[in-house]
C-alpha atoms as a PDB file:
ATOM      1  CA  MET A   1      -0.012  -0.001   0.002  1.00  0.00           C
ATOM      2  CA  ARG A   2       2.892   2.397   0.709  1.00  0.00           C
ATOM      3  CA  ASP A   3       4.200   1.867  -2.843  1.00  0.00           C
ATOM      4  CA  ASN A   4       0.928   3.224  -4.273  1.00  0.00           C
ATOM      5  CA  TRP A   5       1.190   6.304  -2.059  1.00  0.00           C
ATOM      6  CA  ASN A   6       4.755   6.959  -3.271  1.00  0.00           C
ATOM      7  CA  ARG A   7       3.730   6.493  -6.892  1.00  0.00           C
ATOM      8  CA  ARG A   8       0.811   8.889  -6.482  1.00  0.00           C
ATOM      9  CA  GLU A   9       2.968  11.409  -4.709  1.00  0.00           C
ATOM     10  CA  PHE A  10       5.592  11.156  -7.477  1.00  0.00           C
ATOM     11  CA  ILE A  11       2.993  11.696 -10.206  1.00  0.00           C
ATOM     12  CA  LEU A  12       1.423  14.641  -8.386  1.00  0.00           C
ATOM     13  CA  ARG A  13       4.766  16.332  -7.776  1.00  0.00           C
ATOM     14  CA  SER A  14       5.885  15.703 -11.338  1.00  0.00           C
ATOM     15  CA  ALA A  15       2.720  17.248 -12.718  1.00  0.00           C
ATOM     16  CA  LEU A  16       3.121  20.225 -10.446  1.00  0.00           C
ATOM     17  CA  PHE A  17       6.773  20.580 -11.415  1.00  0.00           C
ATOM     18  CA  LEU A  18       5.844  20.607 -15.111  1.00  0.00           C
ATOM     19  CA  ALA A  19       2.857  22.924 -14.723  1.00  0.00           C
ATOM     20  CA  VAL A  20       4.455  25.728 -12.689  1.00  0.00           C
ATOM     21  CA  PRO A  21       6.805  27.120 -15.427  1.00  0.00           C
ATOM     22  CA  SER A  22       3.936  27.129 -17.954  1.00  0.00           C
ATOM     23  CA  PHE A  23       1.697  28.957 -15.481  1.00  0.00           C
ATOM     24  CA  ILE A  24       4.387  31.553 -14.736  1.00  0.00           C
ATOM     25  CA  SER A  25       4.944  32.166 -18.454  1.00  0.00           C
ATOM     26  CA  PHE A  26       1.175  32.531 -19.030  1.00  0.00           C
ATOM     27  CA  ALA A  27       0.844  34.928 -16.036  1.00  0.00           C
ATOM     28  CA  ARG A  28       3.702  37.119 -17.284  1.00  0.00           C
ATOM     29  CA  ARG A  29       2.121  37.387 -20.721  1.00  0.00           C
ATOM     30  CA  ALA A  30      -1.370  37.999 -19.315  1.00  0.00           C
ATOM     31  CA  PHE A  31      -0.200  40.815 -17.073  1.00  0.00           C
ATOM     32  CA  GLY A  32       2.068  42.383 -19.661  1.00  0.00           C
ATOM     33  CA  GLU A  33       5.352  41.740 -17.860  1.00  0.00           C
ATOM     34  CA  GLU A  34       6.921  40.060 -20.813  1.00  0.00           C
ATOM     35  CA  ALA A  35       9.404  41.899 -23.008  1.00  0.00           C
ATOM     36  CA  GLU A  36       8.939  42.742 -26.650  1.00  0.00           C
ATOM     37  CA  VAL A  37      10.097  40.063 -29.090  1.00  0.00           C
ATOM     38  CA  LYS A  38      13.410  40.741 -30.771  1.00  0.00           C
ATOM     39  CA  VAL A  39      13.625  40.739 -34.571  1.00  0.00           C
ATOM     40  CA  SER A  40      16.589  38.389 -34.212  1.00  0.00           C
ATOM     41  CA  ASP A  41      14.362  35.765 -32.576  1.00  0.00           C
ATOM     42  CA  PRO A  42      14.322  32.553 -34.720  1.00  0.00           C
ATOM     43  CA  THR A  43      10.509  32.357 -34.836  1.00  0.00           C
ATOM     44  CA  ALA A  44      10.197  36.043 -35.667  1.00  0.00           C
ATOM     45  CA  GLN A  45      12.791  35.654 -38.423  1.00  0.00           C
ATOM     46  CA  SER A  46      11.037  32.619 -39.919  1.00  0.00           C
ATOM     47  CA  LEU A  47       7.780  34.609 -40.084  1.00  0.00           C
ATOM     48  CA  THR A  48       9.584  37.713 -41.450  1.00  0.00           C
ATOM     49  CA  TYR A  49       8.233  39.775 -38.507  1.00  0.00           C
ATOM     50  CA  CYS A  50       8.525  43.552 -38.949  1.00  0.00           C
ATOM     51  CA  PRO A  51       7.970  45.560 -35.740  1.00  0.00           C
ATOM     52  CA  ASN A  52       6.919  48.695 -37.642  1.00  0.00           C
ATOM     53  CA  ALA A  53       5.069  47.863 -40.833  1.00  0.00           C
ATOM     54  CA  LYS A  54       4.135  51.508 -41.396  1.00  0.00           C
ATOM     55  CA  LYS A  55       7.752  52.291 -42.226  1.00  0.00           C
ATOM     56  CA  ALA A  56       8.555  48.927 -43.809  1.00  0.00           C
ATOM     57  CA  SER A  57      10.256  48.871 -47.148  1.00  0.00           C
ATOM     58  CA  LYS A  58      10.695  46.076 -49.669  1.00  0.00           C
ATOM     59  CA  LYS A  59      14.144  45.512 -48.164  1.00  0.00           C
ATOM     60  CA  VAL A  60      12.884  45.221 -44.547  1.00  0.00           C
ATOM     61  CA  CYS A  61       9.511  43.582 -45.134  1.00  0.00           C
ATOM     62  CA  PRO A  62       9.590  42.131 -48.667  1.00  0.00           C
ATOM     63  CA  LEU A  63       6.596  39.801 -48.410  1.00  0.00           C
ATOM     64  CA  ARG A  64       4.090  42.479 -47.264  1.00  0.00           C
ATOM     65  CA  ALA A  65       2.046  43.062 -50.384  1.00  0.00           C
ATOM     66  CA  GLY A  66      -1.373  42.970 -51.879  1.00  0.00           C
ATOM     67  CA  LYS A  67      -4.181  45.460 -52.188  1.00  0.00           C
ATOM     68  CA  ASP A  68      -4.980  45.260 -48.471  1.00  0.00           C
ATOM     69  CA  LYS A  69      -1.440  45.931 -47.243  1.00  0.00           C
ATOM     70  CA  ALA A  70      -2.471  49.295 -45.774  1.00  0.00           C
ATOM     71  CA  LYS A  71      -4.641  47.383 -43.305  1.00  0.00           C
ATOM     72  CA  GLN A  72      -2.184  44.542 -42.663  1.00  0.00           C
ATOM     73  CA  PHE A  73      -0.931  45.131 -39.102  1.00  0.00           C
ATOM     74  CA  CYS A  74      -0.665  42.779 -36.143  1.00  0.00           C
ATOM     75  CA  ARG A  75      -3.564  44.515 -34.398  1.00  0.00           C
ATOM     76  CA  GLU A  76      -5.790  43.553 -37.357  1.00  0.00           C
ATOM     77  CA  CYS A  77      -4.635  39.902 -37.327  1.00  0.00           C
ATOM     78  CA  GLN A  78      -6.649  37.027 -35.901  1.00  0.00           C
ATOM     79  CA  PHE A  79      -3.574  35.671 -34.066  1.00  0.00           C
ATOM     80  CA  TYR A  80      -3.077  38.911 -32.114  1.00  0.00           C
ATOM     81  CA  ALA A  81      -4.441  39.895 -28.719  1.00  0.00           C
ATOM     82  CA  LYS A  82      -3.698  43.356 -27.291  1.00  0.00           C
ATOM     83  CA  THR A  83      -2.202  43.397 -23.790  1.00  0.00           C
ATOM     84  CA  LYS A  84      -1.111  46.984 -23.198  1.00  0.00           C
ATOM     85  CA  GLY A  85      -0.475  50.413 -24.693  1.00  0.00           C
ATOM     86  CA  SER A  86      -2.148  52.255 -27.524  1.00  0.00           C
ATOM     87  CA  GLY A  87      -1.193  53.677 -30.869  1.00  0.00           C
ATOM     88  CA  ALA A  88       2.491  53.261 -31.771  1.00  0.00           C
ATOM     89  CA  SER A  89       3.304  51.831 -28.326  1.00  0.00           C
ATOM     90  CA  GLU A  90       0.628  49.107 -28.416  1.00  0.00           C
ATOM     91  CA  LEU A  91       1.899  45.628 -27.583  1.00  0.00           C
ATOM     92  CA  GLY A  92       0.129  42.302 -27.650  1.00  0.00           C
ATOM     93  CA  MET A  93       0.464  38.529 -27.648  1.00  0.00           C
ATOM     94  CA  CYS A  94       0.761  36.604 -30.845  1.00  0.00           C
ATOM     95  CA  GLN A  95      -0.277  32.941 -30.951  1.00  0.00           C
ATOM     96  CA  LEU A  96       2.558  32.220 -33.418  1.00  0.00           C
ATOM     97  CA  ILE A  97       5.406  34.131 -31.750  1.00  0.00           C
ATOM     98  CA  SER A  98       5.482  32.956 -28.131  1.00  0.00           C
ATOM     99  CA  SER A  99       8.916  34.345 -27.169  1.00  0.00           C
ATOM    100  CA  GLY A 100       7.636  37.841 -26.417  1.00  0.00           C
ATOM    101  CA  LEU A 101       5.095  40.566 -27.196  1.00  0.00           C
ATOM    102  CA  VAL A 102       4.664  41.988 -30.694  1.00  0.00           C
ATOM    103  CA  ARG A 103       3.835  45.550 -31.703  1.00  0.00           C
ATOM    104  CA  GLY A 104       0.356  46.445 -32.882  1.00  0.00           C
ATOM    105  CA  ASP A 105       1.981  48.223 -35.868  1.00  0.00           C
ATOM    106  CA  GLY A 106       3.941  45.082 -36.736  1.00  0.00           C
ATOM    107  CA  TRP A 107       3.396  42.532 -39.462  1.00  0.00           C
ATOM    108  CA  CYS A 108       4.523  39.010 -40.355  1.00  0.00           C
ATOM    109  CA  SER A 109       4.052  36.618 -43.268  1.00  0.00           C
ATOM    110  CA  SER A 110       1.367  34.650 -41.411  1.00  0.00           C
ATOM    111  CA  TRP A 111      -0.935  37.658 -41.164  1.00  0.00           C
ATOM    112  CA  VAL A 112      -4.639  36.706 -41.389  1.00  0.00           C
ATOM    113  CA  LYS A 113      -7.487  39.228 -41.298  1.00  0.00           C
ATOM    114  CA  LYS A 114      -9.610  39.130 -38.150  1.00  0.00           C
ATOM    115  CA  ALA A 115     -13.003  37.557 -38.694  1.00  0.00           C
END
């Protein structure tokens, strides 16, 4: 009977050990304590993330195109959720870039218009 107790205790502590870092990361993002994502971040680079799409050129943000490009900003994307700020200083969470917050004026190649 004592073996079952030890096994249960091990499983409970293991689950708690694995859950705590995820919860801390979620809490930081939810309360806006997370830093802005760096352009050098591998995920940001793979998505060709531009922090300021208003001033983006073909050299900086070559894939941003189409007739709707004037409306293509992170704040208008379905993967974006605002967490703090407004205007040029607006930051939010992106479901695709989990390493930090993205700018509302930003853009990436996975941009999808909000429904």
